[in-house]
Protein backbone atom coordinates (compact mmCIF):
# COMPACT_ATOMS: atom_id res chain seq x y z
CA UNK A 1 0.18 0.34 0.15
CA UNK A 2 1.34 3.21 -0.61
CA UNK A 3 2.54 5.65 1.86
CA UNK A 4 0.33 7.67 2.80
CA UNK A 5 2.80 11.07 2.41
CA UNK A 6 3.15 10.15 -1.68
CA UNK A 7 2.83 12.44 -4.30
CA UNK A 8 1.75 11.11 -7.29
CA UNK A 9 2.18 13.51 -10.42
CA UNK A 10 0.91 13.14 -13.66
CA UNK A 11 3.47 14.13 -16.54
CA UNK A 12 2.29 14.41 -20.03
CA UNK A 13 4.71 11.97 -22.91
CA UNK A 14 6.24 15.53 -23.77
CA UNK A 15 6.32 17.11 -20.31
CA UNK A 16 9.67 17.99 -18.58
CA UNK A 17 10.47 15.91 -15.96
CA UNK A 18 10.05 16.96 -12.39
CA UNK A 19 12.65 17.22 -10.10
CA UNK A 20 12.28 14.04 -7.57
CA UNK A 21 12.61 14.38 -4.03
CA UNK A 22 14.99 14.43 -0.97
CA UNK A 23 15.14 10.92 0.12
CA UNK A 24 17.87 10.49 3.10
CA UNK A 25 22.14 11.45 3.60
CA UNK A 26 22.56 7.92 5.39
CA UNK A 27 25.41 6.10 3.66
CA UNK A 28 24.43 3.23 0.58
CA UNK A 29 25.10 0.84 3.32
CA UNK A 30 22.06 1.53 5.35
CA UNK A 31 19.88 0.96 2.18
CA UNK A 32 17.82 -1.76 1.16
CA UNK A 33 19.67 -3.37 -1.67
CA UNK A 34 19.33 -3.03 -5.37
CA UNK A 35 17.70 -6.59 -5.72
CA UNK A 36 14.96 -6.67 -2.70
CA UNK A 37 14.17 -2.58 -4.19
CA UNK A 38 12.89 -4.31 -7.50
CA UNK A 39 11.18 -7.28 -5.70
CA UNK A 40 9.15 -4.60 -3.56
CA UNK A 41 8.17 -3.37 -6.51
CA UNK A 42 6.57 -5.80 -8.44
CA UNK A 43 5.13 -6.79 -5.06
CA UNK A 44 3.13 -3.63 -5.10
CA UNK A 45 1.94 -4.66 -8.39
CA UNK A 46 4.57 -2.83 -10.87
CA UNK A 47 6.74 -4.06 -13.86
CA UNK A 48 9.53 -3.27 -13.70
CA UNK A 49 12.28 -2.29 -16.29
CA UNK A 50 15.00 -3.26 -13.53
CA UNK A 51 17.69 -1.90 -15.80
CA UNK A 52 16.00 1.49 -14.84
CA UNK A 53 16.07 1.14 -11.50
CA UNK A 54 19.06 3.71 -10.22
CA UNK A 55 19.94 6.22 -7.36
CA UNK A 56 18.13 9.69 -8.16
CA UNK A 57 19.81 13.21 -7.45
CA UNK A 58 17.67 13.24 -4.26
CA UNK A 59 19.54 9.94 -2.91
CA UNK A 60 16.03 7.80 -3.79
CA UNK A 61 15.79 4.48 -5.28
CA UNK A 62 14.51 5.08 -8.66
CA UNK A 63 12.43 2.80 -10.77
CA UNK A 64 10.97 3.34 -14.33
CA UNK A 65 8.01 0.46 -15.11
CA UNK A 66 4.02 0.27 -15.83
CA UNK A 67 1.19 0.48 -13.29
CA UNK A 68 -1.33 -2.28 -12.96
CA UNK A 69 -3.42 -0.11 -15.08
CA UNK A 70 -0.76 -0.19 -17.81
CA UNK A 71 0.84 3.17 -17.37
CA UNK A 72 4.29 4.02 -17.75
CA UNK A 73 5.30 5.43 -14.07
CA UNK A 74 8.32 6.49 -12.78
CA UNK A 75 8.47 5.76 -8.73
CA UNK A 76 10.78 7.06 -6.24
CA UNK A 77 11.16 4.93 -2.86
CA UNK A 78 12.62 5.97 0.41
CA UNK A 79 15.59 3.81 0.12
CA UNK A 80 15.82 3.15 4.07
CA UNK A 81 12.17 2.03 5.00
CA UNK A 82 10.87 1.51 1.06
CA UNK A 83 8.22 3.67 1.43
CA UNK A 84 6.73 5.27 -1.81
CA UNK A 85 8.42 9.35 -1.70
CA UNK A 86 6.79 10.02 -5.08
CA UNK A 87 4.95 8.86 -7.97
CA UNK A 88 4.98 10.33 -10.95
CA UNK A 89 2.60 8.78 -13.97
CA UNK A 90 3.17 9.67 -17.56
CA UNK A 91 -0.07 9.67 -19.92
């Protein structure tokens, strides 16, 4: 279930990307692993493009994929708690 504080944005395919959230200053040694983050993403019902999983400028796990409705999404996860920090839906 999405974290109640996460933000959802809609982006047009031609729209400029929105700056992502800032998640943490904690060292990556304390973060959820890349493999576990990908599994969490899938467990929430997203279909992921694992090759697009990376660390954002704000130190979040950022994943591109497809949601349950088949829409392309960009989701930022807090790397320690695993909570959704922000979700952007592309039309």
